[in-house]
Amino acid sequence: MTQYMMTYLGGDQPSSQEEGQKHFAKYREWLNSLGDAAISPANPLKNVTTIMSDGSVMEGGASTMSGFTILEAESMLEAIEMAKQCPFLELGGSLEVSELMKMTNL
């Protein structure tokens, strides 16, 4: 099977701690529904630093990427269908699904 990276972009914070707990419960339920297809299920990012091409360093990210999940699926279409069910979309975020390439001869 092929591996895909689902990248989390943007999204709004829940309006309260209670809303955050409800959302996280939905997210865990969704991840559990993926079963073995979620081979690296939840990888949030924090303390992002960007290194520019001139070597300068900037606190923060150059994109709105906040995390990723690695999925295993038979096809891109199947991976997209999994992503379309992700509760992160309910927070106004978007998802990118990318096929991971296996690098050989390194």
Foldseek 3Di string as FASTA:
>chain_A
DFKKKKWKFDFDDDPDVVRVVVLVVQQVVLQVVLPVQFVFAWFFDPFDWDQDPVRDIDTDDPGRTGTITMGDDPDPVVVVVSVVSHSRVVRVIDIDMGTDDDDPDD
